[in-house]
Amino acid sequence: MAVQNSLVKQNQKQTFSAFLATDAMKKKINEMVGGEKGQQFVTSIISAVSTNPQLAECENSSIVSAALLGQALNLSPSPQLRTILYGSVQ
């Protein structure tokens, strides 16, 4: 039974928040964004993922890569800002 339980745990996807909380991701985000903006960045992408079920299905690393690209272009991943700028997209 222990083997079966360990296999189930391996197949479960790590939550996005847990992925961002890893030391490697904290270090990478701090290098790329840094300081107070780093925490705002993390909060924004967690909010975007938690409010968009389709985004939550994506690979965690892909979400972060896209968000870092947006950050480099001074674009916010905030779902609230997206709605203000473009209206509700269905």
C-alpha atoms as a PDB file:
ATOM      1  CA  MET A   1       0.000   0.000   0.000  1.00  0.00           C
ATOM      2  CA  ALA A   2       2.901   2.375   0.659  1.00  0.00           C
ATOM      3  CA  VAL A   3       4.085   2.001  -2.923  1.00  0.00           C
ATOM      4  CA  GLN A   4       0.629   2.806  -4.235  1.00  0.00           C
ATOM      5  CA  ASN A   5       0.408   5.949  -2.072  1.00  0.00           C
ATOM      6  CA  SER A   6       3.816   7.188  -3.219  1.00  0.00           C
ATOM      7  CA  LEU A   7       2.805   6.747  -6.869  1.00  0.00           C
ATOM      8  CA  VAL A   8      -0.339   8.788  -6.327  1.00  0.00           C
ATOM      9  CA  LYS A   9       1.682  11.588  -4.737  1.00  0.00           C
ATOM     10  CA  GLN A  10       4.140  11.637  -7.647  1.00  0.00           C
ATOM     11  CA  ASN A  11       1.350  12.071 -10.186  1.00  0.00           C
ATOM     12  CA  GLN A  12      -0.195  15.057  -8.394  1.00  0.00           C
ATOM     13  CA  LYS A  13       0.834  18.414  -9.805  1.00  0.00           C
ATOM     14  CA  GLN A  14       2.541  20.771  -7.384  1.00  0.00           C
ATOM     15  CA  THR A  15       0.403  23.821  -6.680  1.00  0.00           C
ATOM     16  CA  PHE A  16       1.518  27.031  -8.321  1.00  0.00           C
ATOM     17  CA  SER A  17       1.976  28.751  -4.950  1.00  0.00           C
ATOM     18  CA  ALA A  18       4.152  25.873  -3.720  1.00  0.00           C
ATOM     19  CA  PHE A  19       6.178  26.021  -6.942  1.00  0.00           C
ATOM     20  CA  LEU A  20       6.862  29.727  -6.409  1.00  0.00           C
ATOM     21  CA  ALA A  21       7.795  29.098  -2.774  1.00  0.00           C
ATOM     22  CA  THR A  22      10.721  26.849  -3.688  1.00  0.00           C
ATOM     23  CA  ASP A  23      14.177  28.282  -3.041  1.00  0.00           C
ATOM     24  CA  ALA A  24      15.121  28.003  -6.714  1.00  0.00           C
ATOM     25  CA  MET A  25      12.098  30.039  -7.855  1.00  0.00           C
ATOM     26  CA  LYS A  26      12.539  32.628  -5.114  1.00  0.00           C
ATOM     27  CA  LYS A  27      16.157  33.079  -6.192  1.00  0.00           C
ATOM     28  CA  LYS A  28      15.278  33.300  -9.907  1.00  0.00           C
ATOM     29  CA  ILE A  29      12.481  35.827  -9.348  1.00  0.00           C
ATOM     30  CA  ASN A  30      14.696  37.889  -7.064  1.00  0.00           C
ATOM     31  CA  GLU A  31      17.430  37.925  -9.742  1.00  0.00           C
ATOM     32  CA  MET A  32      15.019  38.869 -12.521  1.00  0.00           C
ATOM     33  CA  VAL A  33      12.615  41.215 -10.729  1.00  0.00           C
ATOM     34  CA  GLY A  34      14.096  41.834  -7.287  1.00  0.00           C
ATOM     35  CA  GLY A  35      13.083  43.478  -4.038  1.00  0.00           C
ATOM     36  CA  GLU A  36       9.587  44.777  -3.416  1.00  0.00           C
ATOM     37  CA  LYS A  37       8.687  44.414  -7.082  1.00  0.00           C
ATOM     38  CA  GLY A  38       9.458  40.709  -6.762  1.00  0.00           C
ATOM     39  CA  GLN A  39       6.756  40.229  -4.144  1.00  0.00           C
ATOM     40  CA  GLN A  40       4.272  42.253  -6.207  1.00  0.00           C
ATOM     41  CA  PHE A  41       5.167  40.101  -9.213  1.00  0.00           C
ATOM     42  CA  VAL A  42       4.558  36.877  -7.275  1.00  0.00           C
ATOM     43  CA  THR A  43       1.259  38.165  -5.886  1.00  0.00           C
ATOM     44  CA  SER A  44       0.082  39.201  -9.354  1.00  0.00           C
ATOM     45  CA  ILE A  45       0.836  35.903 -11.035  1.00  0.00           C
ATOM     46  CA  ILE A  46      -0.672  33.874  -8.188  1.00  0.00           C
ATOM     47  CA  SER A  47      -3.816  35.995  -8.550  1.00  0.00           C
ATOM     48  CA  ALA A  48      -3.861  35.479 -12.319  1.00  0.00           C
ATOM     49  CA  VAL A  49      -3.505  31.704 -11.985  1.00  0.00           C
ATOM     50  CA  SER A  50      -6.051  31.386  -9.188  1.00  0.00           C
ATOM     51  CA  THR A  51      -8.713  33.293 -11.141  1.00  0.00           C
ATOM     52  CA  ASN A  52      -8.154  31.513 -14.459  1.00  0.00           C
ATOM     53  CA  PRO A  53      -8.794  27.744 -14.455  1.00  0.00           C
ATOM     54  CA  GLN A  54      -7.285  27.287 -17.928  1.00  0.00           C
ATOM     55  CA  LEU A  55      -4.079  29.020 -16.864  1.00  0.00           C
ATOM     56  CA  ALA A  56      -3.905  26.776 -13.806  1.00  0.00           C
ATOM     57  CA  GLU A  57      -3.726  23.747 -16.155  1.00  0.00           C
ATOM     58  CA  CYS A  58      -0.474  25.020 -17.722  1.00  0.00           C
ATOM     59  CA  GLU A  59       2.975  23.938 -16.606  1.00  0.00           C
ATOM     60  CA  ASN A  60       4.139  26.058 -13.686  1.00  0.00           C
ATOM     61  CA  SER A  61       7.454  26.870 -15.342  1.00  0.00           C
ATOM     62  CA  SER A  62       5.663  28.055 -18.509  1.00  0.00           C
ATOM     63  CA  ILE A  63       3.491  30.417 -16.480  1.00  0.00           C
ATOM     64  CA  VAL A  64       6.522  31.928 -14.771  1.00  0.00           C
ATOM     65  CA  SER A  65       8.420  32.241 -18.070  1.00  0.00           C
ATOM     66  CA  ALA A  66       5.521  34.074 -19.690  1.00  0.00           C
ATOM     67  CA  ALA A  67       5.064  36.301 -16.653  1.00  0.00           C
ATOM     68  CA  LEU A  68       8.779  37.181 -16.648  1.00  0.00           C
ATOM     69  CA  LEU A  69       8.547  38.081 -20.328  1.00  0.00           C
ATOM     70  CA  GLY A  70       5.581  40.317 -19.545  1.00  0.00           C
ATOM     71  CA  GLN A  71       7.514  41.870 -16.659  1.00  0.00           C
ATOM     72  CA  ALA A  72      10.402  42.665 -18.997  1.00  0.00           C
ATOM     73  CA  LEU A  73       7.895  44.427 -21.278  1.00  0.00           C
ATOM     74  CA  ASN A  74       6.353  46.281 -18.288  1.00  0.00           C
ATOM     75  CA  LEU A  75       3.086  44.352 -18.629  1.00  0.00           C
ATOM     76  CA  SER A  76       1.179  43.318 -15.531  1.00  0.00           C
ATOM     77  CA  PRO A  77      -0.132  39.749 -15.215  1.00  0.00           C
ATOM     78  CA  SER A  78      -2.908  41.060 -12.994  1.00  0.00           C
ATOM     79  CA  PRO A  79      -6.310  39.744 -14.120  1.00  0.00           C
ATOM     80  CA  GLN A  80      -7.941  42.933 -12.819  1.00  0.00           C
ATOM     81  CA  LEU A  81      -5.780  45.092 -15.085  1.00  0.00           C
ATOM     82  CA  ARG A  82      -6.501  42.825 -18.063  1.00  0.00           C
ATOM     83  CA  THR A  83     -10.242  43.238 -17.476  1.00  0.00           C
ATOM     84  CA  ILE A  84      -9.928  47.019 -17.157  1.00  0.00           C
ATOM     85  CA  LEU A  85      -7.909  47.309 -20.372  1.00  0.00           C
ATOM     86  CA  TYR A  86      -9.662  44.768 -22.582  1.00  0.00           C
ATOM     87  CA  GLY A  87     -13.002  44.024 -20.963  1.00  0.00           C
ATOM     88  CA  SER A  88     -14.169  40.529 -20.202  1.00  0.00           C
ATOM     89  CA  VAL A  89     -12.779  38.073 -22.732  1.00  0.00           C
ATOM     90  CA  GLN A  90     -14.759  34.877 -23.147  1.00  0.00           C
END
